[in-house]
Every structure is written in structure tokens, then in C-alpha cells.
């Protein structure tokens, strides 16, 4: 996802909560496990989005999802 002018200044966890099917708590776990990267780099859940940031999201499978 490329961030546009309407999403500048939002926290990444809030933005993804609004634009994906994931809950904010799952998003925070995904960030911790590097399933969510910005411009190819690890960020914190409190990261503030900038114009043209490239947000990469890969699927996160919890151990409970496997059972």
C-alpha cells in the first residue's frame, strides 16, 4: 500500500485497522514480528505515516491458528 495525502499523520496501527480486516491488537503483534514493514524497514505501532510510504503486509499465523 502506498500512503496518499489523506492518510499522512495517522499512526500505522490505526491506519491498518481502518483499511484491513485485522484487529489493532493483531496488527501490533504483526508489527512486532516484522509482518508489517514500512519502506522495507521495521517500525513501531506508533509510527506516523508520511506521504509515499510503502506499507508491506504479510500474513501472520498465530500458533492458535494452526491448531
Protein backbone atom coordinates (compact mmCIF):
# COMPACT_ATOMS: atom_id res chain seq x y z
CA UNK A 1 0.00 0.00 0.00
CA UNK A 2 1.30 3.44 -0.87
CA UNK A 3 0.23 6.16 1.55
CA UNK A 4 -1.54 9.12 -0.01
CA UNK A 5 -2.16 12.63 1.26
CA UNK A 6 -5.37 11.65 3.11
CA UNK A 7 -3.51 9.23 5.41
CA UNK A 8 -0.48 11.35 6.29
CA UNK A 9 -0.12 11.81 10.03
CA UNK A 10 -2.03 8.67 11.06
CA UNK A 11 -0.48 6.01 13.26
CA UNK A 12 0.25 2.89 11.25
CA UNK A 13 -1.75 0.64 13.59
CA UNK A 14 -4.82 2.88 13.33
CA UNK A 15 -4.49 3.17 9.53
CA UNK A 16 -4.24 -0.60 9.07
CA UNK A 17 -7.13 -1.17 11.48
CA UNK A 18 -9.27 1.03 9.25
CA UNK A 19 -8.03 -0.42 5.95
CA UNK A 20 -7.61 -4.15 6.60
CA UNK A 21 -9.60 -6.93 8.24
CA UNK A 22 -7.10 -7.19 11.11
CA UNK A 23 -7.80 -6.01 14.65
CA UNK A 24 -5.49 -3.43 16.14
CA UNK A 25 -4.10 -5.96 18.63
CA UNK A 26 -3.27 -8.39 15.81
CA UNK A 27 -1.70 -5.53 13.85
CA UNK A 28 0.53 -4.73 16.83
CA UNK A 29 1.65 -8.39 17.01
CA UNK A 30 2.29 -8.38 13.28
CA UNK A 31 4.43 -5.24 13.63
CA UNK A 32 6.43 -6.85 16.46
CA UNK A 33 7.00 -9.96 14.32
CA UNK A 34 8.02 -7.89 11.27
CA UNK A 35 5.00 -8.94 9.21
CA UNK A 36 4.37 -5.24 8.63
CA UNK A 37 7.17 -3.13 7.21
CA UNK A 38 7.33 0.47 6.01
CA UNK A 39 9.70 1.14 3.14
CA UNK A 40 11.24 -2.28 3.82
CA UNK A 41 12.06 -1.46 7.47
CA UNK A 42 10.68 -2.49 10.84
CA UNK A 43 8.61 0.20 12.59
CA UNK A 44 6.77 0.61 15.88
CA UNK A 45 2.97 0.58 16.17
CA UNK A 46 3.16 4.30 16.93
CA UNK A 47 4.88 5.07 13.59
CA UNK A 48 3.32 8.13 11.95
CA UNK A 49 2.68 7.69 8.23
CA UNK A 50 4.26 10.00 5.68
CA UNK A 51 3.30 10.64 2.06
CA UNK A 52 4.56 7.93 -0.31
CA UNK A 53 5.40 5.48 2.49
CA UNK A 54 5.17 1.92 1.18
CA UNK A 55 3.44 -0.33 3.72
CA UNK A 56 4.06 -4.06 3.22
CA UNK A 57 1.80 -6.55 5.00
CA UNK A 58 2.47 -10.28 5.03
CA UNK A 59 0.16 -12.83 6.63
CA UNK A 60 0.74 -13.57 10.29
CA UNK A 61 -0.26 -17.01 11.53
CA UNK A 62 -0.55 -17.38 15.28
CA UNK A 63 0.11 -20.75 16.86
CA UNK A 64 -3.59 -20.97 17.80
CA UNK A 65 -4.49 -20.55 14.11
CA UNK A 66 -2.50 -23.70 13.27
CA UNK A 67 -4.20 -25.96 15.81
